Amino acid sequence: MANPQAEKNYQTFRAFVQLHCIENDWDDYVLPDKLDLNKKRIARECEFDRKRITGNTKILRLYNLIKRKLVKKGILVTDSRSGTEKRQHETALKIASKDSKLMSSQQQQNASLQAQLYDVTRDLKEANEKLKHLKAIEDYLMATGRL
């Protein structure tokens, strides 16, 4: 007996596919490199996890069928890169992602340090003003002989 949730997910995906075949708006779901569809966006609209597309064999079969049709229509392109080129591309994307995360983290840290520096500079100016005032009082007391 099939998993009822898996069947429900398949029916939802099937309805999604039928709707978008009628509307012919697959361009909205194509990744920038035009090699595949955006599984995350599709899954979000179908209200299930992205891994259901590859984990449910019925959904995966229909997904691959749609991809083949979109390649024939020219909406998607076939990936003619070799395995090595694909791995190099994936590695470059991973490195770029890590660099982006690191840069974002460093920018946040920099903003925090700049705010801290601003606060310390402001406090230092206030302390210098108070010191000048106290020196003026001390000079006055020394001049009048009260100290």
N, C-alpha and C. Protein backbone atom coordinates (compact mmCIF):
# COMPACT_ATOMS: atom_id res chain seq x y z
N MET A 1 0.85 -1.18 0.00
CA MET A 1 0.00 0.00 0.00
C MET A 1 0.89 1.24 0.00
N ALA A 2 0.59 2.17 -0.86
CA ALA A 2 1.39 3.39 -1.01
C ALA A 2 1.15 4.34 0.15
N ASN A 3 2.16 5.14 0.40
CA ASN A 3 2.08 6.16 1.45
C ASN A 3 1.05 7.22 1.03
N PRO A 4 0.02 7.48 1.83
CA PRO A 4 -1.02 8.44 1.43
C PRO A 4 -0.45 9.86 1.24
N GLN A 5 0.52 10.23 2.05
CA GLN A 5 1.11 11.57 1.91
C GLN A 5 1.89 11.68 0.60
N ALA A 6 2.58 10.61 0.23
CA ALA A 6 3.33 10.61 -1.03
C ALA A 6 2.37 10.73 -2.20
N GLU A 7 1.25 10.05 -2.13
CA GLU A 7 0.25 10.15 -3.20
C GLU A 7 -0.36 11.55 -3.26
N LYS A 8 -0.62 12.12 -2.11
CA LYS A 8 -1.15 13.49 -2.05
C LYS A 8 -0.14 14.46 -2.68
N ASN A 9 1.15 14.31 -2.33
CA ASN A 9 2.20 15.17 -2.90
C ASN A 9 2.26 15.01 -4.41
N TYR A 10 2.13 13.78 -4.88
CA TYR A 10 2.17 13.52 -6.33
C TYR A 10 0.99 14.22 -7.01
N GLN A 11 -0.18 14.10 -6.45
CA GLN A 11 -1.37 14.73 -7.04
C GLN A 11 -1.22 16.25 -7.05
N THR A 12 -0.66 16.79 -5.98
CA THR A 12 -0.43 18.24 -5.91
C THR A 12 0.55 18.67 -6.99
N PHE A 13 1.63 17.91 -7.15
CA PHE A 13 2.63 18.23 -8.16
C PHE A 13 2.02 18.09 -9.56
N ARG A 14 1.23 17.06 -9.77
CA ARG A 14 0.58 16.85 -11.07
C ARG A 14 -0.32 18.03 -11.41
N ALA A 15 -1.08 18.51 -10.42
CA ALA A 15 -1.95 19.67 -10.65
C ALA A 15 -1.12 20.91 -10.97
N PHE A 16 0.01 21.05 -10.27
CA PHE A 16 0.92 22.17 -10.53
C PHE A 16 1.43 22.12 -11.97
N VAL A 17 1.85 20.94 -12.41
CA VAL A 17 2.37 20.76 -13.77
C VAL A 17 1.28 21.08 -14.79
N GLN A 18 0.08 20.57 -14.57
CA GLN A 18 -1.01 20.82 -15.52
C GLN A 18 -1.31 22.31 -15.62
N LEU A 19 -1.35 22.98 -14.50
CA LEU A 19 -1.63 24.41 -14.48
C LEU A 19 -0.58 25.18 -15.27
N HIS A 20 0.67 24.87 -15.03
CA HIS A 20 1.74 25.62 -15.69
C HIS A 20 1.94 25.21 -17.15
N CYS A 21 1.50 24.04 -17.52
CA CYS A 21 1.50 23.68 -18.94
C CYS A 21 0.42 24.48 -19.67
N ILE A 22 -0.70 24.69 -19.02
CA ILE A 22 -1.77 25.49 -19.61
C ILE A 22 -1.34 26.95 -19.70
N GLU A 23 -0.79 27.47 -18.59
CA GLU A 23 -0.37 28.88 -18.55
C GLU A 23 0.92 29.12 -19.34
N ASN A 24 1.67 28.07 -19.56
CA ASN A 24 2.95 28.14 -20.28
C ASN A 24 3.88 29.21 -19.69
N ASP A 25 4.04 29.19 -18.39
CA ASP A 25 4.91 30.15 -17.71
C ASP A 25 6.09 29.48 -17.02
N TRP A 26 6.65 28.47 -17.66
CA TRP A 26 7.77 27.73 -17.08
C TRP A 26 9.02 28.60 -16.96
N ASP A 27 9.10 29.68 -17.73
CA ASP A 27 10.26 30.57 -17.64
C ASP A 27 10.45 31.11 -16.22
N ASP A 28 9.35 31.22 -15.49
CA ASP A 28 9.42 31.72 -14.11
C ASP A 28 10.13 30.75 -13.17
N TYR A 29 10.24 29.49 -13.58
CA TYR A 29 10.81 28.46 -12.72
C TYR A 29 12.18 27.97 -13.19
N VAL A 30 12.69 28.57 -14.24
CA VAL A 30 13.99 28.15 -14.79
C VAL A 30 15.12 28.81 -14.01
N LEU A 31 16.14 28.03 -13.68
CA LEU A 31 17.32 28.57 -13.01
C LEU A 31 18.08 29.47 -13.97
N PRO A 32 18.90 30.39 -13.45
CA PRO A 32 19.63 31.32 -14.32
C PRO A 32 20.50 30.64 -15.39
N ASP A 33 21.05 29.47 -15.07
CA ASP A 33 21.90 28.79 -16.07
C ASP A 33 21.09 28.01 -17.10
N LYS A 34 19.77 27.98 -16.94
CA LYS A 34 18.82 27.31 -17.85
C LYS A 34 19.07 25.81 -17.98
N LEU A 35 19.73 25.22 -16.99
CA LEU A 35 20.00 23.78 -17.03
C LEU A 35 18.93 22.97 -16.30
N ASP A 36 18.17 23.62 -15.42
CA ASP A 36 17.20 22.91 -14.60
C ASP A 36 16.12 23.88 -14.13
N LEU A 37 15.11 23.31 -13.51
CA LEU A 37 14.06 24.11 -12.91
C LEU A 37 14.40 24.35 -11.44
N ASN A 38 13.83 25.39 -10.87
CA ASN A 38 14.07 25.73 -9.47
C ASN A 38 13.18 24.84 -8.60
N LYS A 39 13.75 23.74 -8.12
CA LYS A 39 13.00 22.76 -7.34
C LYS A 39 12.48 23.37 -6.04
N LYS A 40 13.26 24.23 -5.45
CA LYS A 40 12.87 24.83 -4.18
C LYS A 40 11.59 25.67 -4.35
N ARG A 41 11.55 26.45 -5.42
CA ARG A 41 10.39 27.30 -5.66
C ARG A 41 9.16 26.45 -6.01
N ILE A 42 9.38 25.42 -6.82
CA ILE A 42 8.27 24.53 -7.18
C ILE A 42 7.72 23.85 -5.93
N ALA A 43 8.61 23.31 -5.11
CA ALA A 43 8.18 22.61 -3.90
C ALA A 43 7.45 23.56 -2.95
N ARG A 44 7.92 24.79 -2.86
CA ARG A 44 7.27 25.77 -1.99
C ARG A 44 5.84 26.02 -2.46
N GLU A 45 5.66 26.13 -3.77
CA GLU A 45 4.31 26.35 -4.30
C GLU A 45 3.42 25.12 -4.14
N CYS A 46 4.03 23.95 -4.18
CA CYS A 46 3.26 22.71 -3.98
C CYS A 46 3.07 22.41 -2.49
N GLU A 47 3.70 23.20 -1.64
CA GLU A 47 3.61 23.08 -0.18
C GLU A 47 4.16 21.76 0.34
N PHE A 48 5.30 21.35 -0.21
CA PHE A 48 6.04 20.24 0.36
C PHE A 48 7.53 20.52 0.24
N ASP A 49 8.32 19.66 0.87
CA ASP A 49 9.77 19.85 0.91
C ASP A 49 10.39 19.57 -0.45
N ARG A 50 11.45 20.29 -0.78
CA ARG A 50 12.14 20.15 -2.07
C ARG A 50 12.58 18.71 -2.32
N LYS A 51 12.94 18.02 -1.27
CA LYS A 51 13.44 16.65 -1.42
C LYS A 51 12.34 15.69 -1.85
N ARG A 52 11.09 16.10 -1.77
CA ARG A 52 10.00 15.24 -2.23
C ARG A 52 10.07 15.06 -3.75
N ILE A 53 10.61 16.06 -4.44
CA ILE A 53 10.70 15.96 -5.90
C ILE A 53 11.63 14.82 -6.30
N THR A 54 12.75 14.70 -5.62
CA THR A 54 13.69 13.63 -5.96
C THR A 54 13.44 12.36 -5.15
N GLY A 55 12.74 12.47 -4.05
CA GLY A 55 12.51 11.31 -3.19
C GLY A 55 11.30 10.49 -3.57
N ASN A 56 10.33 11.10 -4.22
CA ASN A 56 9.11 10.41 -4.63
C ASN A 56 9.29 10.01 -6.10
N THR A 57 9.31 8.71 -6.38
CA THR A 57 9.61 8.25 -7.73
C THR A 57 8.59 8.72 -8.76
N LYS A 58 7.32 8.78 -8.38
CA LYS A 58 6.30 9.26 -9.32
C LYS A 58 6.53 10.72 -9.67
N ILE A 59 6.81 11.52 -8.65
CA ILE A 59 7.07 12.95 -8.88
C ILE A 59 8.32 13.11 -9.72
N LEU A 60 9.37 12.35 -9.42
CA LEU A 60 10.62 12.45 -10.16
C LEU A 60 10.43 12.09 -11.63
N ARG A 61 9.65 11.04 -11.91
CA ARG A 61 9.38 10.67 -13.30
C ARG A 61 8.68 11.80 -14.05
N LEU A 62 7.66 12.38 -13.43
CA LEU A 62 6.93 13.48 -14.06
C LEU A 62 7.82 14.70 -14.21
N TYR A 63 8.64 14.96 -13.20
CA TYR A 63 9.57 16.10 -13.24
C TYR A 63 10.55 15.94 -14.41
N ASN A 64 11.11 14.75 -14.56
CA ASN A 64 12.05 14.50 -15.66
C ASN A 64 11.36 14.59 -17.02
N LEU A 65 10.12 14.14 -17.10
CA LEU A 65 9.35 14.26 -18.33
C LEU A 65 9.15 15.73 -18.69
N ILE A 66 8.79 16.53 -17.72
CA ILE A 66 8.60 17.97 -17.95
C ILE A 66 9.91 18.60 -18.39
N LYS A 67 11.01 18.21 -17.75
CA LYS A 67 12.32 18.77 -18.15
C LYS A 67 12.63 18.44 -19.61
N ARG A 68 12.38 17.20 -20.00
CA ARG A 68 12.64 16.81 -21.40
C ARG A 68 11.79 17.63 -22.36
N LYS A 69 10.52 17.84 -22.01
CA LYS A 69 9.63 18.64 -22.86
C LYS A 69 10.13 20.09 -22.95
N LEU A 70 10.60 20.62 -21.84
CA LEU A 70 11.09 22.00 -21.82
C LEU A 70 12.39 22.13 -22.61
N VAL A 71 13.21 21.09 -22.63
CA VAL A 71 14.42 21.10 -23.45
C VAL A 71 14.03 21.13 -24.93
N LYS A 72 13.04 20.32 -25.29
CA LYS A 72 12.58 20.29 -26.69
C LYS A 72 12.01 21.64 -27.11
N LYS A 73 11.33 22.32 -26.18
CA LYS A 73 10.76 23.64 -26.49
C LYS A 73 11.82 24.74 -26.50
N GLY A 74 13.01 24.44 -25.96
CA GLY A 74 14.08 25.43 -25.93
C GLY A 74 14.07 26.29 -24.68
N ILE A 75 13.22 25.96 -23.73
CA ILE A 75 13.17 26.72 -22.47
C ILE A 75 14.35 26.33 -21.59
N LEU A 76 14.66 25.04 -21.57
CA LEU A 76 15.84 24.54 -20.85
C LEU A 76 16.88 24.11 -21.89
N VAL A 77 18.14 24.06 -21.46
CA VAL A 77 19.21 23.57 -22.33
C VAL A 77 19.81 22.32 -21.70
N THR A 78 20.37 21.47 -22.53
CA THR A 78 21.02 20.27 -22.00
C THR A 78 22.42 20.64 -21.52
N ASP A 79 22.84 19.96 -20.52
CA ASP A 79 24.16 20.21 -19.94
C ASP A 79 25.18 19.37 -20.69
N SER A 80 26.01 20.03 -21.50
CA SER A 80 26.99 19.31 -22.30
C SER A 80 28.38 19.30 -21.66
N ARG A 81 28.46 19.75 -20.42
CA ARG A 81 29.76 19.74 -19.74
C ARG A 81 30.14 18.33 -19.33
N SER A 82 31.44 18.10 -19.25
CA SER A 82 31.91 16.79 -18.78
C SER A 82 31.76 16.72 -17.26
N GLY A 83 31.92 15.53 -16.73
CA GLY A 83 31.80 15.34 -15.27
C GLY A 83 32.79 16.20 -14.50
N THR A 84 34.01 16.31 -15.03
CA THR A 84 35.04 17.13 -14.38
C THR A 84 34.63 18.60 -14.38
N GLU A 85 34.12 19.06 -15.50
CA GLU A 85 33.70 20.46 -15.59
C GLU A 85 32.55 20.75 -14.63
N LYS A 86 31.62 19.80 -14.51
CA LYS A 86 30.49 19.97 -13.58
C LYS A 86 31.01 20.07 -12.15
N ARG A 87 31.94 19.18 -11.78
CA ARG A 87 32.49 19.20 -10.42
C ARG A 87 33.25 20.49 -10.16
N GLN A 88 34.01 20.95 -11.15
CA GLN A 88 34.74 22.20 -10.99
C GLN A 88 33.77 23.36 -10.80
N HIS A 89 32.69 23.36 -11.56
CA HIS A 89 31.68 24.41 -11.45
C HIS A 89 31.03 24.37 -10.06
N GLU A 90 30.67 23.16 -9.61
CA GLU A 90 30.06 23.01 -8.28
C GLU A 90 31.02 23.46 -7.19
N THR A 91 32.29 23.11 -7.33
CA THR A 91 33.30 23.51 -6.36
C THR A 91 33.43 25.03 -6.34
N ALA A 92 33.45 25.64 -7.51
CA ALA A 92 33.56 27.10 -7.59
C ALA A 92 32.34 27.76 -6.94
N LEU A 93 31.16 27.18 -7.14
CA LEU A 93 29.95 27.74 -6.52
C LEU A 93 30.01 27.61 -4.99
N LYS A 94 30.50 26.48 -4.51
CA LYS A 94 30.61 26.28 -3.07
C LYS A 94 31.60 27.27 -2.47
N ILE A 95 32.72 27.47 -3.14
CA ILE A 95 33.73 28.42 -2.65
C ILE A 95 33.15 29.82 -2.65
N ALA A 96 32.45 30.19 -3.71
CA ALA A 96 31.84 31.52 -3.79
C ALA A 96 30.81 31.70 -2.69
N SER A 97 30.05 30.66 -2.39
CA SER A 97 29.05 30.72 -1.33
C SER A 97 29.71 30.91 0.03
N LYS A 98 30.79 30.16 0.27
CA LYS A 98 31.51 30.30 1.53
C LYS A 98 32.12 31.70 1.65
N ASP A 99 32.69 32.19 0.54
CA ASP A 99 33.27 33.53 0.54
C ASP A 99 32.21 34.59 0.82
N SER A 100 31.05 34.40 0.23
CA SER A 100 29.95 35.35 0.43
C SER A 100 29.50 35.35 1.89
N LYS A 101 29.38 34.16 2.48
CA LYS A 101 28.99 34.06 3.89
C LYS A 101 30.04 34.70 4.79
N LEU A 102 31.31 34.43 4.49
CA LEU A 102 32.40 35.00 5.27
C LEU A 102 32.40 36.52 5.16
N MET A 103 32.21 37.03 3.93
CA MET A 103 32.19 38.47 3.73
C MET A 103 31.01 39.11 4.47
N SER A 104 29.87 38.46 4.44
CA SER A 104 28.69 38.97 5.15
C SER A 104 28.96 39.02 6.65
N SER A 105 29.57 37.96 7.17
CA SER A 105 29.90 37.90 8.59
C SER A 105 30.89 39.01 8.96
N GLN A 106 31.89 39.21 8.10
CA GLN A 106 32.88 40.25 8.37
C GLN A 106 32.27 41.65 8.28
N GLN A 107 31.31 41.83 7.38
CA GLN A 107 30.64 43.12 7.27
C GLN A 107 29.82 43.40 8.53
N GLN A 108 29.15 42.37 9.05
CA GLN A 108 28.39 42.55 10.28
C GLN A 108 29.32 42.87 11.45
N GLN A 109 30.44 42.18 11.53
CA GLN A 109 31.41 42.43 12.58
C GLN A 109 31.98 43.84 12.45
N ASN A 110 32.27 44.26 11.22
CA ASN A 110 32.78 45.59 10.96
C ASN A 110 31.78 46.66 11.40
N ALA A 111 30.51 46.46 11.09
CA ALA A 111 29.47 47.42 11.49
C ALA A 111 29.37 47.49 13.00
N SER A 112 29.47 46.34 13.66
CA SER A 112 29.43 46.31 15.12
C SER A 112 30.62 47.06 15.73
N LEU A 113 31.79 46.82 15.16
CA LEU A 113 33.00 47.50 15.66
C LEU A 113 32.94 49.01 15.40
N GLN A 114 32.38 49.40 14.26
CA GLN A 114 32.24 50.83 13.98
C GLN A 114 31.30 51.49 14.97
N ALA A 115 30.21 50.82 15.31
CA ALA A 115 29.27 51.37 16.30
C ALA A 115 29.95 51.48 17.66
N GLN A 116 30.71 50.46 18.01
CA GLN A 116 31.43 50.47 19.28
C GLN A 116 32.47 51.60 19.29
N LEU A 117 33.19 51.77 18.20
CA LEU A 117 34.17 52.84 18.09
C LEU A 117 33.51 54.21 18.22
N TYR A 118 32.35 54.37 17.60
CA TYR A 118 31.61 55.63 17.69
C TYR A 118 31.26 55.93 19.16
N ASP A 119 30.75 54.92 19.88
CA ASP A 119 30.38 55.10 21.28
C ASP A 119 31.60 55.46 22.13
N VAL A 120 32.71 54.76 21.92
CA VAL A 120 33.93 55.02 22.70
C VAL A 120 34.47 56.41 22.39
N THR A 121 34.44 56.82 21.13
CA THR A 121 34.91 58.15 20.74
C THR A 121 34.05 59.23 21.39
N ARG A 122 32.74 59.03 21.39
CA ARG A 122 31.83 59.98 22.03
C ARG A 122 32.13 60.08 23.53
N ASP A 123 32.30 58.93 24.19
CA ASP A 123 32.60 58.92 25.63
C ASP A 123 33.94 59.61 25.90
N LEU A 124 34.93 59.40 25.04
CA LEU A 124 36.23 60.04 25.20
C LEU A 124 36.12 61.55 25.08
N LYS A 125 35.35 62.03 24.12
CA LYS A 125 35.15 63.48 23.98
C LYS A 125 34.50 64.06 25.23
N GLU A 126 33.49 63.36 25.76
CA GLU A 126 32.82 63.82 26.98
C GLU A 126 33.81 63.85 28.15
N ALA A 127 34.63 62.82 28.26
CA ALA A 127 35.61 62.75 29.34
C ALA A 127 36.64 63.88 29.20
N ASN A 128 37.08 64.17 27.97
CA ASN A 128 38.03 65.27 27.75
C ASN A 128 37.41 66.61 28.11
N GLU A 129 36.13 66.80 27.79
CA GLU A 129 35.45 68.06 28.17
C GLU A 129 35.38 68.20 29.68
N LYS A 130 35.07 67.12 30.38
CA LYS A 130 35.01 67.15 31.84
C LYS A 130 36.40 67.42 32.42
N LEU A 131 37.43 66.80 31.82
CA LEU A 131 38.79 67.02 32.28
C LEU A 131 39.21 68.48 32.12
N LYS A 132 38.88 69.07 30.96
CA LYS A 132 39.18 70.49 30.74
C LYS A 132 38.50 71.35 31.80
N HIS A 133 37.24 71.03 32.08
CA HIS A 133 36.48 71.78 33.08
C HIS A 133 37.12 71.63 34.46
N LEU A 134 37.51 70.40 34.82
CA LEU A 134 38.14 70.18 36.13
C LEU A 134 39.51 70.85 36.21
N LYS A 135 40.27 70.88 35.12
CA LYS A 135 41.56 71.57 35.11
C LYS A 135 41.36 73.07 35.29
N ALA A 136 40.33 73.60 34.64
CA ALA A 136 40.03 75.03 34.80
C ALA A 136 39.70 75.34 36.25
N ILE A 137 38.91 74.46 36.87
CA ILE A 137 38.58 74.66 38.30
C ILE A 137 39.83 74.56 39.14
N GLU A 138 40.70 73.56 38.86
CA GLU A 138 41.95 73.40 39.60
C GLU A 138 42.85 74.62 39.43
N ASP A 139 42.97 75.13 38.19
CA ASP A 139 43.77 76.33 37.95
C ASP A 139 43.22 77.52 38.73
N TYR A 140 41.92 77.66 38.76
CA TYR A 140 41.29 78.76 39.50
C TYR A 140 41.58 78.64 41.00
N LEU A 141 41.45 77.41 41.51
CA LEU A 141 41.70 77.20 42.92
C LEU A 141 43.17 77.44 43.27
N MET A 142 44.07 77.07 42.37
CA MET A 142 45.50 77.31 42.60
C MET A 142 45.78 78.81 42.55
N ALA A 143 45.16 79.52 41.63
CA ALA A 143 45.39 80.97 41.49
C ALA A 143 44.83 81.74 42.67
N THR A 144 43.75 81.30 43.24
CA THR A 144 43.14 82.02 44.36
C THR A 144 43.69 81.54 45.70
N GLY A 145 44.50 80.50 45.66
CA GLY A 145 45.12 80.02 46.89
C GLY A 145 44.23 79.14 47.72
N ARG A 146 43.21 78.66 47.20
CA ARG A 146 42.30 77.81 47.95
C ARG A 146 42.69 76.34 47.90
N LEU A 147 43.70 76.02 47.12
CA LEU A 147 44.09 74.62 47.02
C LEU A 147 45.47 74.43 47.57
